[in-house]
Amino acid sequence: LSGRPSATRVEHVEEDFGLDFPVLDGGTCSRGVESTILLFRDSEWVIVRLGALASEAFEPLLGYQPRFMQKTQDIQPLCPGQLFRHYAPHAHLILGDLKRLEEASFILGFNERTYPFQKRIIRLGSLLKPEEVAENLYQALRQLDQEKAKIAWVDMDFPRQGLWQTIAERLQRAGEGSGNLENC
């Protein structure tokens, strides 16, 4: 459903659409995030939605890495996933602002890091495995809803290239509209 964390498992589809909605179970989405969408514009390919394939993956085919064309608020969306608040749980997300960590009762974090023990920690996966983090991302956002989280702090201290760029963009979209974004 638009605006909600994407359905990457059968139980997500059933949660979103009900048990009467037919589902062909192909297992858990192995890529975790949606497809990358390219658009041919002004004689070059540009990425209009970051996805499972990073811009580096297109270089052997195109001879260059397509740039990411970020949508601005005044332009009509060109493809799914470009709404400003998208992929969002009901919880208010604090994206990496350590000064606001105390406000949150939940933390979305990584296996290699330690966090305050009095917080409920939901692990996204390993900082060494962006594919694992992408695969777990929507399940973690949905888990916030299942556990009725009000405020969650998100560890945004990770790289911004390759699949990590997509992960950061999805988290930023999930947090937008709640007045807590910073340039991270």
Protein backbone atom coordinates (compact mmCIF):
# COMPACT_ATOMS: atom_id res chain seq x y z
CA LEU A 1 0.00 0.00 0.00
CA SER A 2 1.28 3.44 -0.85
CA GLY A 3 2.81 5.22 2.11
CA ARG A 4 3.39 2.01 4.11
CA PRO A 5 6.49 -0.17 4.37
CA SER A 6 6.55 -2.36 1.27
CA ALA A 7 5.27 -5.92 1.41
CA THR A 8 8.24 -8.27 1.03
CA ARG A 9 6.68 -11.34 2.66
CA VAL A 10 3.37 -13.18 2.31
CA GLU A 11 2.29 -12.10 5.80
CA HIS A 12 2.83 -8.45 4.78
CA VAL A 13 0.45 -8.83 1.81
CA GLU A 14 -2.12 -10.55 4.03
CA GLU A 15 -1.74 -7.81 6.65
CA ASP A 16 -2.23 -5.07 4.04
CA PHE A 17 -5.02 -6.65 1.96
CA GLY A 18 -6.61 -9.31 4.15
CA LEU A 19 -6.59 -13.08 4.07
CA ASP A 20 -8.98 -13.27 1.10
CA PHE A 21 -6.44 -11.62 -1.21
CA PRO A 22 -4.80 -14.35 -3.34
CA VAL A 23 -1.04 -14.63 -2.88
CA LEU A 24 1.36 -16.74 -4.89
CA ASP A 25 4.05 -17.53 -2.33
CA GLY A 26 7.48 -17.30 -3.90
CA GLY A 27 9.16 -16.90 -0.52
CA THR A 28 10.66 -13.84 1.11
CA CYS A 29 11.85 -11.13 -1.27
CA SER A 30 15.56 -11.85 -1.59
CA ARG A 31 16.53 -8.31 -2.64
CA GLY A 32 14.49 -6.66 0.10
CA VAL A 33 13.86 -3.41 -1.75
CA GLU A 34 12.04 -2.57 -4.96
CA SER A 35 13.57 -2.47 -8.40
CA THR A 36 15.70 0.39 -9.65
CA ILE A 37 13.82 2.47 -12.22
CA LEU A 38 15.67 4.25 -15.02
CA LEU A 39 14.36 7.01 -17.28
CA PHE A 40 15.90 8.17 -20.56
CA ARG A 41 16.02 11.95 -20.26
CA ASP A 42 18.01 14.59 -22.15
CA SER A 43 20.08 11.96 -24.02
CA GLU A 44 21.09 10.01 -20.91
CA TRP A 45 19.72 7.38 -18.55
CA VAL A 46 18.97 8.62 -15.04
CA ILE A 47 17.76 6.76 -11.98
CA VAL A 48 14.34 8.00 -10.89
CA ARG A 49 13.92 5.41 -8.14
CA LEU A 50 16.84 3.90 -6.28
CA GLY A 51 16.44 0.19 -5.88
CA ALA A 52 18.12 -3.17 -5.54
CA LEU A 53 20.61 -2.40 -8.32
CA ALA A 54 23.06 0.42 -7.59
CA SER A 55 24.17 2.83 -10.32
CA GLU A 56 27.51 0.97 -10.55
CA ALA A 57 25.66 -2.10 -11.85
CA PHE A 58 24.65 -0.23 -15.02
CA GLU A 59 28.15 0.95 -15.99
CA PRO A 60 29.15 -2.18 -17.97
CA LEU A 61 25.99 -1.87 -20.07
CA LEU A 62 25.71 1.92 -20.44
CA GLY A 63 29.37 2.93 -20.24
CA TYR A 64 28.58 5.27 -17.31
CA GLN A 65 26.90 5.26 -13.95
CA PRO A 66 23.49 6.91 -14.24
CA ARG A 67 22.97 9.72 -11.76
CA PHE A 68 20.09 9.71 -9.31
CA MET A 69 17.50 12.33 -10.25
CA GLN A 70 15.88 13.24 -6.96
CA LYS A 71 12.27 14.32 -7.14
CA THR A 72 11.48 17.78 -5.90
CA GLN A 73 8.23 18.59 -4.17
CA ASP A 74 6.78 20.62 -7.04
CA ILE A 75 7.16 17.89 -9.71
CA GLN A 76 4.58 15.16 -10.34
CA PRO A 77 5.95 11.70 -9.35
CA LEU A 78 7.46 9.88 -12.33
CA CYS A 79 7.21 6.42 -10.80
CA PRO A 80 6.11 4.55 -7.66
CA GLY A 81 8.01 5.35 -4.48
CA GLN A 82 8.51 9.06 -5.15
CA LEU A 83 5.96 10.39 -2.68
CA PHE A 84 7.71 12.37 0.01
CA ARG A 85 6.42 10.30 2.93
CA HIS A 86 6.62 6.74 1.73
CA TYR A 87 7.60 3.34 3.13
CA ALA A 88 6.60 4.73 6.54
CA PRO A 89 5.60 2.99 9.74
CA HIS A 90 3.19 4.72 12.12
CA ALA A 91 6.08 5.48 14.49
CA HIS A 92 7.84 8.83 14.38
CA LEU A 93 11.39 8.17 13.11
CA ILE A 94 14.37 10.12 14.40
CA LEU A 95 17.06 9.71 11.77
CA GLY A 96 20.48 9.59 13.36
CA ASP A 97 20.19 12.65 15.62
CA LEU A 98 22.05 11.48 18.75
CA LYS A 99 20.74 14.46 20.76
CA ARG A 100 17.24 12.99 20.39
CA LEU A 101 18.07 9.36 21.17
CA GLU A 102 16.51 9.64 24.65
CA GLU A 103 13.10 10.48 23.10
CA ALA A 104 12.87 7.04 21.51
CA SER A 105 11.91 3.79 23.16
CA PHE A 106 12.92 1.79 20.05
CA ILE A 107 16.16 1.71 18.06
CA LEU A 108 16.70 0.43 14.52
CA GLY A 109 20.35 -0.55 14.53
CA PHE A 110 23.10 -2.87 13.37
CA ASN A 111 24.53 -6.14 14.67
CA GLU A 112 28.03 -4.77 15.27
CA ARG A 113 26.93 -1.88 17.47
CA THR A 114 25.80 -1.62 21.06
CA TYR A 115 22.92 0.62 22.06
CA PRO A 116 21.37 1.68 25.37
CA PHE A 117 20.09 -1.51 27.03
CA GLN A 118 16.84 0.11 28.22
CA LYS A 119 15.70 0.59 24.60
CA ARG A 120 13.95 -2.03 22.45
CA ILE A 121 16.48 -2.75 19.72
CA ILE A 122 15.44 -4.05 16.31
CA ARG A 123 18.48 -5.15 14.33
CA LEU A 124 18.58 -4.44 10.60
CA GLY A 125 21.55 -6.75 10.05
CA SER A 126 25.30 -6.43 9.59
CA LEU A 127 27.13 -3.31 8.46
CA LEU A 128 29.25 -5.70 6.41
CA LYS A 129 26.22 -6.96 4.45
CA PRO A 130 24.09 -4.25 2.82
CA GLU A 131 22.06 -6.98 1.06
CA GLU A 132 21.04 -8.37 4.45
CA VAL A 133 20.06 -4.91 5.71
CA ALA A 134 17.99 -4.26 2.56
CA GLU A 135 16.28 -7.63 2.94
CA ASN A 136 15.38 -6.86 6.59
CA LEU A 137 14.46 -3.19 6.17
CA TYR A 138 10.68 -3.36 5.60
CA GLN A 139 10.24 -6.17 8.11
CA ALA A 140 11.94 -3.96 10.73
CA LEU A 141 9.71 -0.98 9.87
CA ARG A 142 6.62 -3.20 10.07
CA GLN A 143 7.82 -4.61 13.38
CA LEU A 144 7.68 -1.09 14.80
CA ASP A 145 3.97 -1.06 13.94
CA GLN A 146 3.40 -4.55 15.33
CA GLU A 147 4.99 -3.52 18.62
CA LYS A 148 3.06 -0.22 18.60
CA ALA A 149 6.18 1.94 18.71
CA LYS A 150 5.53 5.67 19.01
CA ILE A 151 9.08 6.95 18.48
CA ALA A 152 12.07 5.09 17.03
CA TRP A 153 15.64 6.27 16.65
CA VAL A 154 17.36 5.06 13.47
CA ASP A 155 21.14 4.56 13.32
CA MET A 156 22.06 6.39 10.11
CA ASP A 157 25.84 5.99 10.54
CA PHE A 158 26.55 3.82 7.51
CA PRO A 159 28.05 4.30 4.01
CA ARG A 160 26.13 6.10 1.23
CA GLN A 161 27.32 4.27 -1.87
CA GLY A 162 25.88 1.29 -3.68
CA LEU A 163 22.93 -0.41 -2.00
CA TRP A 164 23.54 1.69 1.13
CA GLN A 165 22.38 4.75 -0.83
CA THR A 166 19.05 3.00 -1.48
CA ILE A 167 18.72 2.01 2.19
CA ALA A 168 19.39 5.61 3.31
CA GLU A 169 16.87 6.96 0.79
CA ARG A 170 14.16 4.51 1.96
CA LEU A 171 14.74 5.45 5.60
CA GLN A 172 14.65 9.16 4.75
CA ARG A 173 11.35 8.73 2.91
CA ALA A 174 9.96 6.70 5.81
CA GLY A 175 10.85 9.53 8.16
CA GLU A 176 9.77 12.47 6.01
CA GLY A 177 6.68 14.38 6.89
CA SER A 178 7.25 14.01 10.61
CA GLY A 179 9.59 16.97 10.95
CA ASN A 180 12.64 15.01 11.97
CA LEU A 181 14.85 14.86 8.92
CA GLU A 182 18.34 16.16 8.89
CA ASN A 183 20.91 15.90 6.15
CA CYS A 184 22.33 12.49 6.97
